[in-house]
């Protein structure tokens, strides 16, 4: 027993050393959107998407995609994502995030004020409109705009989200190159689930990113 005990002490000591060096950390909360499909699955899904010229923005309005729906109590979708994607997020009685920290995967910036963050629709609502959502019911568009099950919503630096606007991956990719593979996987998963079309330039850009994953 003394030998087993000694080995246990050694393991505990080694683990403590690793923790102290920062090489080993305890499992953290998710602090990110749902894990997207793998790159290989994304390549398969990409091949199944309808390729056609992007539709018109005529008639589009964000109001046609009711967003930040109430999820529970006083908490709407934005507050749920801020809580999910941040660390040590504290909320007040109205569910507003009053403290915490957020790492923006798109650009690598860390913020401590919720006002510095936007909740990005990975597939922008106007992009969805031009890709087939123009023919949907308002109820279905609302589901897309508040989709917490797929990796469609992510808390990121507000001005980076505004620079992205409603561009597709042929026109915009996250400035932090290390996240581009994840972003492409997210994009394809959302478009595949919601049966949205892609244009040829968008497909080529996604293929390029996914082939490098």
C-alpha atoms as a PDB file:
ATOM      1  CA  UNK A   1       0.000   0.000   0.000  1.00  0.00           C
ATOM      2  CA  UNK A   2       2.873   2.361   0.761  1.00  0.00           C
ATOM      3  CA  UNK A   3       4.157   2.044  -2.822  1.00  0.00           C
ATOM      4  CA  UNK A   4       0.684   2.777  -4.251  1.00  0.00           C
ATOM      5  CA  UNK A   5       0.301   5.701  -1.898  1.00  0.00           C
ATOM      6  CA  UNK A   6       3.702   7.066  -2.926  1.00  0.00           C
ATOM      7  CA  UNK A   7       2.758   6.819  -6.605  1.00  0.00           C
ATOM      8  CA  UNK A   8      -0.504   8.631  -5.911  1.00  0.00           C
ATOM      9  CA  UNK A   9       1.420  11.424  -4.163  1.00  0.00           C
ATOM     10  CA  UNK A  10       3.761  11.633  -7.163  1.00  0.00           C
ATOM     11  CA  UNK A  11       0.838  11.851  -9.595  1.00  0.00           C
ATOM     12  CA  UNK A  12      -0.829  14.551  -7.506  1.00  0.00           C
ATOM     13  CA  UNK A  13       2.447  16.491  -7.335  1.00  0.00           C
ATOM     14  CA  UNK A  14       3.010  16.192 -11.080  1.00  0.00           C
ATOM     15  CA  UNK A  15      -0.549  17.297 -11.798  1.00  0.00           C
ATOM     16  CA  UNK A  16      -0.145  20.268  -9.467  1.00  0.00           C
ATOM     17  CA  UNK A  17       3.043  21.221 -11.318  1.00  0.00           C
ATOM     18  CA  UNK A  18       1.247  21.105 -14.645  1.00  0.00           C
ATOM     19  CA  UNK A  19      -1.606  23.207 -13.327  1.00  0.00           C
ATOM     20  CA  UNK A  20       0.896  25.697 -11.939  1.00  0.00           C
ATOM     21  CA  UNK A  21       2.643  25.916 -15.309  1.00  0.00           C
ATOM     22  CA  UNK A  22      -0.635  26.522 -17.108  1.00  0.00           C
ATOM     23  CA  UNK A  23      -0.273  23.365 -19.205  1.00  0.00           C
ATOM     24  CA  UNK A  24      -3.250  21.680 -17.604  1.00  0.00           C
ATOM     25  CA  UNK A  25      -6.520  23.383 -16.841  1.00  0.00           C
ATOM     26  CA  UNK A  26      -9.773  22.188 -15.423  1.00  0.00           C
ATOM     27  CA  UNK A  27     -12.645  21.714 -17.899  1.00  0.00           C
ATOM     28  CA  UNK A  28     -14.320  25.047 -18.522  1.00  0.00           C
ATOM     29  CA  UNK A  29     -17.890  25.898 -19.319  1.00  0.00           C
ATOM     30  CA  UNK A  30     -18.744  25.759 -23.008  1.00  0.00           C
ATOM     31  CA  UNK A  31     -18.076  29.485 -23.545  1.00  0.00           C
ATOM     32  CA  UNK A  32     -18.693  29.040 -27.257  1.00  0.00           C
ATOM     33  CA  UNK A  33     -21.412  28.119 -29.743  1.00  0.00           C
ATOM     34  CA  UNK A  34     -22.384  24.455 -30.219  1.00  0.00           C
ATOM     35  CA  UNK A  35     -19.452  22.545 -31.716  1.00  0.00           C
ATOM     36  CA  UNK A  36     -19.927  22.512 -35.493  1.00  0.00           C
ATOM     37  CA  UNK A  37     -19.761  19.466 -37.743  1.00  0.00           C
ATOM     38  CA  UNK A  38     -16.333  18.132 -38.678  1.00  0.00           C
ATOM     39  CA  UNK A  39     -14.476  19.414 -41.729  1.00  0.00           C
ATOM     40  CA  UNK A  40     -15.071  16.113 -43.547  1.00  0.00           C
ATOM     41  CA  UNK A  41     -18.808  16.260 -42.841  1.00  0.00           C
ATOM     42  CA  UNK A  42     -18.813  19.916 -43.887  1.00  0.00           C
ATOM     43  CA  UNK A  43     -17.192  18.983 -47.215  1.00  0.00           C
ATOM     44  CA  UNK A  44     -19.913  16.354 -47.724  1.00  0.00           C
ATOM     45  CA  UNK A  45     -22.692  18.785 -46.792  1.00  0.00           C
ATOM     46  CA  UNK A  46     -21.196  21.469 -49.035  1.00  0.00           C
ATOM     47  CA  UNK A  47     -21.530  19.098 -51.974  1.00  0.00           C
ATOM     48  CA  UNK A  48     -25.224  18.628 -51.164  1.00  0.00           C
ATOM     49  CA  UNK A  49     -26.139  22.330 -51.126  1.00  0.00           C
ATOM     50  CA  UNK A  50     -27.996  23.844 -54.069  1.00  0.00           C
ATOM     51  CA  UNK A  51     -25.691  26.105 -56.045  1.00  0.00           C
ATOM     52  CA  UNK A  52     -27.420  29.003 -57.729  1.00  0.00           C
ATOM     53  CA  UNK A  53     -27.035  32.733 -58.254  1.00  0.00           C
ATOM     54  CA  UNK A  54     -27.753  34.720 -55.113  1.00  0.00           C
ATOM     55  CA  UNK A  55     -31.233  36.173 -55.002  1.00  0.00           C
ATOM     56  CA  UNK A  56     -32.292  39.774 -54.619  1.00  0.00           C
ATOM     57  CA  UNK A  57     -32.409  41.770 -51.391  1.00  0.00           C
ATOM     58  CA  UNK A  58     -35.684  43.294 -52.572  1.00  0.00           C
ATOM     59  CA  UNK A  59     -38.263  43.245 -49.817  1.00  0.00           C
ATOM     60  CA  UNK A  60     -35.749  42.353 -47.102  1.00  0.00           C
ATOM     61  CA  UNK A  61     -36.137  43.753 -43.606  1.00  0.00           C
ATOM     62  CA  UNK A  62     -34.660  42.549 -40.315  1.00  0.00           C
ATOM     63  CA  UNK A  63     -38.185  42.846 -38.929  1.00  0.00           C
ATOM     64  CA  UNK A  64     -39.102  39.850 -41.112  1.00  0.00           C
ATOM     65  CA  UNK A  65     -36.723  37.782 -38.922  1.00  0.00           C
ATOM     66  CA  UNK A  66     -38.003  38.485 -35.383  1.00  0.00           C
ATOM     67  CA  UNK A  67     -34.922  38.053 -33.228  1.00  0.00           C
ATOM     68  CA  UNK A  68     -33.859  38.064 -29.619  1.00  0.00           C
ATOM     69  CA  UNK A  69     -36.937  36.095 -28.657  1.00  0.00           C
ATOM     70  CA  UNK A  70     -37.616  35.404 -24.996  1.00  0.00           C
ATOM     71  CA  UNK A  71     -35.964  32.115 -24.030  1.00  0.00           C
ATOM     72  CA  UNK A  72     -36.890  31.879 -20.348  1.00  0.00           C
ATOM     73  CA  UNK A  73     -38.082  34.365 -17.767  1.00  0.00           C
ATOM     74  CA  UNK A  74     -36.596  37.766 -18.591  1.00  0.00           C
ATOM     75  CA  UNK A  75     -33.810  36.263 -20.717  1.00  0.00           C
ATOM     76  CA  UNK A  76     -33.830  36.754 -24.475  1.00  0.00           C
ATOM     77  CA  UNK A  77     -31.611  35.106 -27.065  1.00  0.00           C
ATOM     78  CA  UNK A  78     -28.934  37.811 -26.915  1.00  0.00           C
ATOM     79  CA  UNK A  79     -28.545  37.442 -23.144  1.00  0.00           C
ATOM     80  CA  UNK A  80     -28.455  33.640 -23.411  1.00  0.00           C
ATOM     81  CA  UNK A  81     -25.607  33.847 -25.940  1.00  0.00           C
ATOM     82  CA  UNK A  82     -23.702  36.411 -23.859  1.00  0.00           C
ATOM     83  CA  UNK A  83     -23.951  34.102 -20.845  1.00  0.00           C
ATOM     84  CA  UNK A  84     -22.964  31.044 -22.909  1.00  0.00           C
ATOM     85  CA  UNK A  85     -20.024  32.604 -24.728  1.00  0.00           C
ATOM     86  CA  UNK A  86     -18.517  34.490 -21.795  1.00  0.00           C
ATOM     87  CA  UNK A  87     -16.580  33.612 -18.659  1.00  0.00           C
ATOM     88  CA  UNK A  88     -17.817  34.409 -15.141  1.00  0.00           C
ATOM     89  CA  UNK A  89     -20.807  36.279 -16.553  1.00  0.00           C
ATOM     90  CA  UNK A  90     -23.034  37.847 -13.926  1.00  0.00           C
ATOM     91  CA  UNK A  91     -26.553  38.948 -14.840  1.00  0.00           C
ATOM     92  CA  UNK A  92     -28.925  41.330 -13.121  1.00  0.00           C
ATOM     93  CA  UNK A  93     -32.597  40.668 -12.345  1.00  0.00           C
ATOM     94  CA  UNK A  94     -33.580  41.589 -15.912  1.00  0.00           C
ATOM     95  CA  UNK A  95     -31.021  39.081 -17.272  1.00  0.00           C
ATOM     96  CA  UNK A  96     -28.650  41.782 -18.578  1.00  0.00           C
ATOM     97  CA  UNK A  97     -24.964  40.869 -18.357  1.00  0.00           C
ATOM     98  CA  UNK A  98     -23.390  43.286 -15.868  1.00  0.00           C
ATOM     99  CA  UNK A  99     -19.937  41.714 -15.621  1.00  0.00           C
ATOM    100  CA  UNK A 100     -17.800  38.984 -17.127  1.00  0.00           C
ATOM    101  CA  UNK A 101     -15.265  38.581 -19.909  1.00  0.00           C
ATOM    102  CA  UNK A 102     -15.676  37.598 -23.516  1.00  0.00           C
ATOM    103  CA  UNK A 103     -13.096  36.363 -26.008  1.00  0.00           C
ATOM    104  CA  UNK A 104     -14.069  37.269 -29.566  1.00  0.00           C
ATOM    105  CA  UNK A 105     -13.115  34.312 -31.772  1.00  0.00           C
ATOM    106  CA  UNK A 106     -13.252  36.415 -34.936  1.00  0.00           C
ATOM    107  CA  UNK A 107     -10.438  38.793 -33.982  1.00  0.00           C
ATOM    108  CA  UNK A 108      -8.871  37.503 -30.760  1.00  0.00           C
ATOM    109  CA  UNK A 109      -9.939  40.476 -28.631  1.00  0.00           C
ATOM    110  CA  UNK A 110     -11.129  40.118 -25.034  1.00  0.00           C
ATOM    111  CA  UNK A 111     -13.830  42.405 -23.635  1.00  0.00           C
ATOM    112  CA  UNK A 112     -15.237  42.978 -20.163  1.00  0.00           C
ATOM    113  CA  UNK A 113     -18.302  45.057 -21.139  1.00  0.00           C
ATOM    114  CA  UNK A 114     -21.246  43.401 -22.859  1.00  0.00           C
ATOM    115  CA  UNK A 115     -21.812  46.642 -24.787  1.00  0.00           C
ATOM    116  CA  UNK A 116     -18.623  45.927 -26.762  1.00  0.00           C
ATOM    117  CA  UNK A 117     -20.155  42.751 -28.193  1.00  0.00           C
ATOM    118  CA  UNK A 118     -22.620  41.983 -30.925  1.00  0.00           C
ATOM    119  CA  UNK A 119     -24.325  38.637 -31.367  1.00  0.00           C
ATOM    120  CA  UNK A 120     -23.430  37.687 -34.923  1.00  0.00           C
ATOM    121  CA  UNK A 121     -25.763  35.646 -37.065  1.00  0.00           C
ATOM    122  CA  UNK A 122     -23.111  33.468 -38.711  1.00  0.00           C
ATOM    123  CA  UNK A 123     -25.298  33.237 -41.805  1.00  0.00           C
ATOM    124  CA  UNK A 124     -26.503  36.826 -41.850  1.00  0.00           C
ATOM    125  CA  UNK A 125     -30.253  37.358 -42.046  1.00  0.00           C
ATOM    126  CA  UNK A 126     -30.012  39.289 -45.330  1.00  0.00           C
ATOM    127  CA  UNK A 127     -27.807  36.515 -46.739  1.00  0.00           C
ATOM    128  CA  UNK A 128     -30.414  33.965 -45.665  1.00  0.00           C
ATOM    129  CA  UNK A 129     -33.112  36.063 -47.364  1.00  0.00           C
ATOM    130  CA  UNK A 130     -31.174  36.005 -50.647  1.00  0.00           C
ATOM    131  CA  UNK A 131     -30.552  32.254 -50.250  1.00  0.00           C
ATOM    132  CA  UNK A 132     -34.163  31.137 -49.933  1.00  0.00           C
ATOM    133  CA  UNK A 133     -35.562  32.497 -46.670  1.00  0.00           C
ATOM    134  CA  UNK A 134     -37.513  35.134 -48.613  1.00  0.00           C
ATOM    135  CA  UNK A 135     -40.112  32.430 -49.301  1.00  0.00           C
ATOM    136  CA  UNK A 136     -40.350  31.243 -45.691  1.00  0.00           C
ATOM    137  CA  UNK A 137     -43.012  31.986 -43.105  1.00  0.00           C
ATOM    138  CA  UNK A 138     -42.166  34.603 -40.496  1.00  0.00           C
ATOM    139  CA  UNK A 139     -42.234  31.846 -37.875  1.00  0.00           C
ATOM    140  CA  UNK A 140     -39.523  29.882 -39.685  1.00  0.00           C
ATOM    141  CA  UNK A 141     -37.400  33.005 -40.135  1.00  0.00           C
ATOM    142  CA  UNK A 142     -37.746  33.665 -36.412  1.00  0.00           C
ATOM    143  CA  UNK A 143     -36.447  30.165 -35.691  1.00  0.00           C
ATOM    144  CA  UNK A 144     -33.351  30.789 -37.820  1.00  0.00           C
ATOM    145  CA  UNK A 145     -32.740  34.181 -36.206  1.00  0.00           C
ATOM    146  CA  UNK A 146     -32.810  32.658 -32.704  1.00  0.00           C
ATOM    147  CA  UNK A 147     -31.206  29.269 -33.479  1.00  0.00           C
ATOM    148  CA  UNK A 148     -29.286  28.182 -30.370  1.00  0.00           C
ATOM    149  CA  UNK A 149     -29.072  24.533 -31.450  1.00  0.00           C
ATOM    150  CA  UNK A 150     -26.897  25.051 -34.510  1.00  0.00           C
ATOM    151  CA  UNK A 151     -23.699  27.197 -34.446  1.00  0.00           C
ATOM    152  CA  UNK A 152     -25.564  30.185 -35.908  1.00  0.00           C
ATOM    153  CA  UNK A 153     -25.061  32.696 -33.076  1.00  0.00           C
ATOM    154  CA  UNK A 154     -21.785  33.884 -31.542  1.00  0.00           C
ATOM    155  CA  UNK A 155     -20.736  36.824 -29.366  1.00  0.00           C
ATOM    156  CA  UNK A 156     -17.998  38.826 -31.112  1.00  0.00           C
ATOM    157  CA  UNK A 157     -16.443  42.301 -31.170  1.00  0.00           C
ATOM    158  CA  UNK A 158     -19.138  44.695 -32.322  1.00  0.00           C
ATOM    159  CA  UNK A 159     -17.162  46.570 -34.989  1.00  0.00           C
ATOM    160  CA  UNK A 160     -15.867  43.310 -36.475  1.00  0.00           C
ATOM    161  CA  UNK A 161     -19.439  42.080 -36.781  1.00  0.00           C
ATOM    162  CA  UNK A 162     -20.419  45.367 -38.384  1.00  0.00           C
ATOM    163  CA  UNK A 163     -17.541  45.061 -40.877  1.00  0.00           C
ATOM    164  CA  UNK A 164     -18.802  41.599 -41.805  1.00  0.00           C
ATOM    165  CA  UNK A 165     -22.320  42.970 -42.332  1.00  0.00           C
ATOM    166  CA  UNK A 166     -24.247  40.492 -44.552  1.00  0.00           C
ATOM    167  CA  UNK A 167     -21.232  39.232 -46.525  1.00  0.00           C
ATOM    168  CA  UNK A 168     -20.701  35.566 -47.368  1.00  0.00           C
ATOM    169  CA  UNK A 169     -17.342  33.719 -47.084  1.00  0.00           C
ATOM    170  CA  UNK A 170     -16.323  34.697 -50.625  1.00  0.00           C
ATOM    171  CA  UNK A 171     -16.443  38.308 -49.414  1.00  0.00           C
ATOM    172  CA  UNK A 172     -15.510  38.079 -45.725  1.00  0.00           C
ATOM    173  CA  UNK A 173     -13.793  35.660 -43.360  1.00  0.00           C
ATOM    174  CA  UNK A 174     -12.804  36.201 -39.714  1.00  0.00           C
ATOM    175  CA  UNK A 175      -9.601  38.274 -39.517  1.00  0.00           C
ATOM    176  CA  UNK A 176      -8.235  35.711 -37.043  1.00  0.00           C
ATOM    177  CA  UNK A 177      -7.135  33.035 -39.503  1.00  0.00           C
ATOM    178  CA  UNK A 178      -7.044  30.294 -36.855  1.00  0.00           C
ATOM    179  CA  UNK A 179     -10.844  30.451 -36.632  1.00  0.00           C
ATOM    180  CA  UNK A 180     -11.604  30.292 -40.344  1.00  0.00           C
ATOM    181  CA  UNK A 181     -11.881  26.494 -40.480  1.00  0.00           C
ATOM    182  CA  UNK A 182     -14.375  26.520 -37.588  1.00  0.00           C
ATOM    183  CA  UNK A 183     -16.277  29.388 -39.209  1.00  0.00           C
ATOM    184  CA  UNK A 184     -16.590  27.517 -42.524  1.00  0.00           C
ATOM    185  CA  UNK A 185     -17.852  24.425 -40.697  1.00  0.00           C
ATOM    186  CA  UNK A 186     -20.411  26.572 -38.854  1.00  0.00           C
ATOM    187  CA  UNK A 187     -21.547  28.265 -42.070  1.00  0.00           C
ATOM    188  CA  UNK A 188     -22.037  25.025 -43.985  1.00  0.00           C
ATOM    189  CA  UNK A 189     -23.881  23.358 -41.103  1.00  0.00           C
ATOM    190  CA  UNK A 190     -26.347  26.241 -40.829  1.00  0.00           C
ATOM    191  CA  UNK A 191     -26.959  26.484 -44.558  1.00  0.00           C
ATOM    192  CA  UNK A 192     -27.366  22.708 -44.847  1.00  0.00           C
ATOM    193  CA  UNK A 193     -29.774  22.400 -41.924  1.00  0.00           C
ATOM    194  CA  UNK A 194     -31.939  25.256 -43.158  1.00  0.00           C
ATOM    195  CA  UNK A 195     -31.702  24.154 -46.818  1.00  0.00           C
ATOM    196  CA  UNK A 196     -30.351  27.505 -47.975  1.00  0.00           C
ATOM    197  CA  UNK A 197     -28.611  27.816 -51.329  1.00  0.00           C
ATOM    198  CA  UNK A 198     -25.057  28.992 -52.027  1.00  0.00           C
ATOM    199  CA  UNK A 199     -23.578  30.796 -55.000  1.00  0.00           C
ATOM    200  CA  UNK A 200     -20.554  29.501 -56.897  1.00  0.00           C
ATOM    201  CA  UNK A 201     -18.050  31.994 -55.447  1.00  0.00           C
ATOM    202  CA  UNK A 202     -19.264  31.210 -51.929  1.00  0.00           C
ATOM    203  CA  UNK A 203     -18.863  27.477 -52.582  1.00  0.00           C
ATOM    204  CA  UNK A 204     -15.334  27.932 -53.934  1.00  0.00           C
ATOM    205  CA  UNK A 205     -14.309  30.002 -50.919  1.00  0.00           C
ATOM    206  CA  UNK A 206     -15.730  27.412 -48.509  1.00  0.00           C
ATOM    207  CA  UNK A 207     -14.012  24.568 -50.369  1.00  0.00           C
ATOM    208  CA  UNK A 208     -10.729  26.416 -50.104  1.00  0.00           C
ATOM    209  CA  UNK A 209     -11.052  26.884 -46.357  1.00  0.00           C
ATOM    210  CA  UNK A 210     -12.337  23.364 -45.660  1.00  0.00           C
ATOM    211  CA  UNK A 211      -9.612  21.721 -47.736  1.00  0.00           C
ATOM    212  CA  UNK A 212      -7.080  23.411 -45.491  1.00  0.00           C
ATOM    213  CA  UNK A 213      -8.671  22.241 -42.260  1.00  0.00           C
END
